[in-house]
Protein backbone atom coordinates (compact mmCIF):
# COMPACT_ATOMS: atom_id res chain seq x y z
CA MET A 1 262.86 194.49 73.27
CA LYS A 2 260.66 191.69 74.57
CA LEU A 3 260.62 191.15 78.33
CA GLN A 4 259.76 187.77 79.83
CA PRO A 5 259.91 186.46 83.38
CA ASP A 6 262.78 184.12 84.17
CA PRO A 7 261.54 180.61 84.88
CA LEU A 8 262.66 179.63 88.37
CA SER A 9 261.81 175.95 88.17
CA ALA A 10 264.14 174.99 91.02
CA LEU A 11 262.50 177.41 93.45
CA ASN A 12 259.09 177.26 95.08
CA THR A 13 257.09 180.18 93.75
CA VAL A 14 253.72 181.55 94.83
CA THR A 15 251.66 181.51 91.65
CA ARG A 16 248.29 182.55 93.06
CA ILE A 17 246.63 183.61 96.31
CA GLU A 18 242.89 183.60 96.93
CA ASP A 19 240.74 183.82 100.07
CA SER A 20 240.54 180.05 100.53
CA TYR A 21 243.83 178.76 99.08
CA ILE A 22 247.37 179.45 97.97
CA GLU A 23 249.04 178.07 94.88
CA ILE A 24 252.71 177.13 94.94
CA ASN A 25 254.20 176.18 91.56
CA THR A 26 250.61 176.04 90.18
CA VAL A 27 249.58 173.44 92.81
CA ARG A 28 246.64 174.49 95.00
CA TYR A 29 246.84 174.12 98.80
CA GLU A 30 243.74 174.66 100.92
CA SER A 31 245.30 173.82 104.28
CA SER A 32 248.28 175.08 106.28
CA ILE A 33 251.69 174.38 104.76
CA LEU A 34 255.35 175.20 105.30
CA VAL A 35 257.17 176.42 102.21
CA MET A 36 260.93 176.78 101.96
CA PRO A 37 262.57 178.36 98.90
CA GLU A 38 263.54 174.92 97.63
CA GLY A 39 262.31 171.40 98.26
CA ALA A 40 259.06 169.78 99.20
CA ILE A 41 256.00 171.61 100.49
CA THR A 42 255.34 170.32 104.01
CA PRO A 43 251.88 170.06 105.61
CA TRP A 44 251.67 172.14 108.80
CA ASN A 45 249.33 170.49 111.27
CA ILE A 46 247.29 173.55 112.27
CA THR A 47 243.67 174.16 111.31
CA HIS A 48 242.93 177.49 112.98
CA PHE A 49 244.96 180.50 114.07
CA ASN A 50 243.64 180.30 117.65
CA LEU A 51 245.00 176.74 117.97
CA LEU A 52 248.66 177.74 117.51
CA GLU A 53 250.99 176.33 120.18
CA PRO A 54 254.74 176.55 120.77
CA SER A 55 255.15 173.07 119.27
CA HIS A 56 253.98 174.39 115.89
CA PHE A 57 256.88 176.84 115.87
CA GLU A 58 259.40 174.20 116.98
CA LEU A 59 258.97 172.56 113.58
CA ILE A 60 259.73 175.87 111.87
CA THR A 61 262.79 176.37 114.08
CA GLU A 62 264.15 172.98 112.97
CA LEU A 63 264.09 174.21 109.35
CA ARG A 64 266.36 177.14 110.35
CA PRO A 65 264.70 179.77 108.12
CA GLU A 66 266.16 183.24 107.67
CA LEU A 67 262.68 184.73 107.36
CA VAL A 68 259.23 183.55 108.43
CA ILE A 69 256.08 184.88 106.81
CA LEU A 70 252.94 183.71 108.54
CA GLY A 71 249.61 184.04 106.79
CA SER A 72 246.85 184.48 109.36
CA GLY A 73 243.88 184.19 107.02
CA LEU A 74 241.43 186.84 105.90
CA LYS A 75 241.94 188.84 109.08
CA HIS A 76 245.34 190.29 110.02
CA ARG A 77 246.41 188.91 113.40
CA PHE A 78 249.55 188.91 115.50
CA VAL A 79 250.97 185.79 117.08
CA ARG A 80 251.64 185.98 120.81
CA PRO A 81 255.42 186.46 121.27
CA ALA A 82 255.59 183.56 123.74
CA LEU A 83 254.59 181.16 120.94
CA MET A 84 257.54 182.21 118.80
CA GLN A 85 260.15 182.22 121.58
CA ASP A 86 262.35 179.64 119.84
CA LEU A 87 262.35 181.62 116.60
CA TYR A 88 263.87 184.64 118.32
């Protein structure tokens, strides 16, 4: 029996992660982005973790996600709960 992965061409799929970029559907992104399971990849106007503000999370809230996974870079960090108030 030969096993092969199912192609999920309609879904956004992480195809590679490195220290300085992430690849979604084999397209490299070196800046912050918002990725939903389907649809366009949206630039997320944030350049550094320490610059996060509540307004950055308002945009995420508008997308009404069921789950949010936030990559904080090479170092694991926690976002202040006050910043994510609208997500709760």
